Amino acid sequence: MGRRGFVVTAVAALAVLLAAPAGAGEKLTMDGSTGMLPLVSELAKAYQRKQPGVEIGFGKGIESIGGIRSTIEGKIDAGLVSRPLKPEEKGAGLKEVEIARVGTVFAAHAENPIAGITEQQACDIYAGKVKNWKEVGGPDLAILPLSRPPQEADPMVIREKIACFKALREAEGVLVLLKSGDMSNALASRAGTIGMTNTTALGALKGKVKALALGGVVPTQENVGKGTYPLIRRFFIVTKGNPSPTLVRFLEFVRSADGAKVVAELNAVPVK
């Protein structure tokens, strides 16, 4: 190829690059807490409307500990983690960016007329002392308590904040669900259930499940933001080492005014 042909080819290649949209060919992969997926997937969609060339993929949900491990091992670009990192996890090179705060809630099927319970009533239900909703002011309906593995964020928050849960042994009739998506499906499909979940996950269920007031305090965005509601869960995106420019730009969007709007629309409180 002559010099003239080389120059023409180089100019043509440059023109193609300049014509490509910002973010073209860029990819991000994230996985972790299934409770965070509804929120972060909506943030990703909003970001992609601004940067259509960026591809953002999510796994099926491997919970917070899975997101941490996969980030450490380099299998994903970022982990979705619904608790602060432990010192040993930070020691492995992980960094956290808090993106939202949500209320951990006791939830019931939307058709259950009960509006709320007390902390002691919640403990009595999970200890097997209370087995029918009529015992706590609800309908004559058997209670099916649903829980999560003890290392997951919702039960951790509950044990930390509710004194009678600290040493509580859950009754044999309590059904432990491995993923928050399983919790959502069970709450939406069975009228007698009570379960541990968060306000963002409830928002994705479109009215099929409702949050119960705890001690007379409703888990509204305002009450969560002010700290009036006691059970607060924090959402983090976790990275290892120096994140890629693509990931940095996405995190900047998440913490921007546009990102905060998406967070608020999904019943979460933006972090300033």
Foldseek 3Di string as FASTA:
>chain_A
DDPVVVVVVVVVVVVVVVPDFPLAPAEFEEAAAPQCVVLVVLLVVVVCVVVVRYYYYYDPHPHQVVRLVCQLVVVGFKYKHFADDDPVSVVSFKDKDWWFKWFKFKKAFLPWPAAAAELVVVLCVQLVNDFAPVVGPTDGHGAQEEEEPCVHFQNVLSLVQRPSSVPGDGDPRYHYDHHVVVVLVVRLPDHRYIYIGIQLSVLVVPSRMDGHAYPPHHRAQVCQVVCVRPRMIIIIMMHGDDRDPVVVVSVVSCLDPNNQVSQVVSRIHGDD
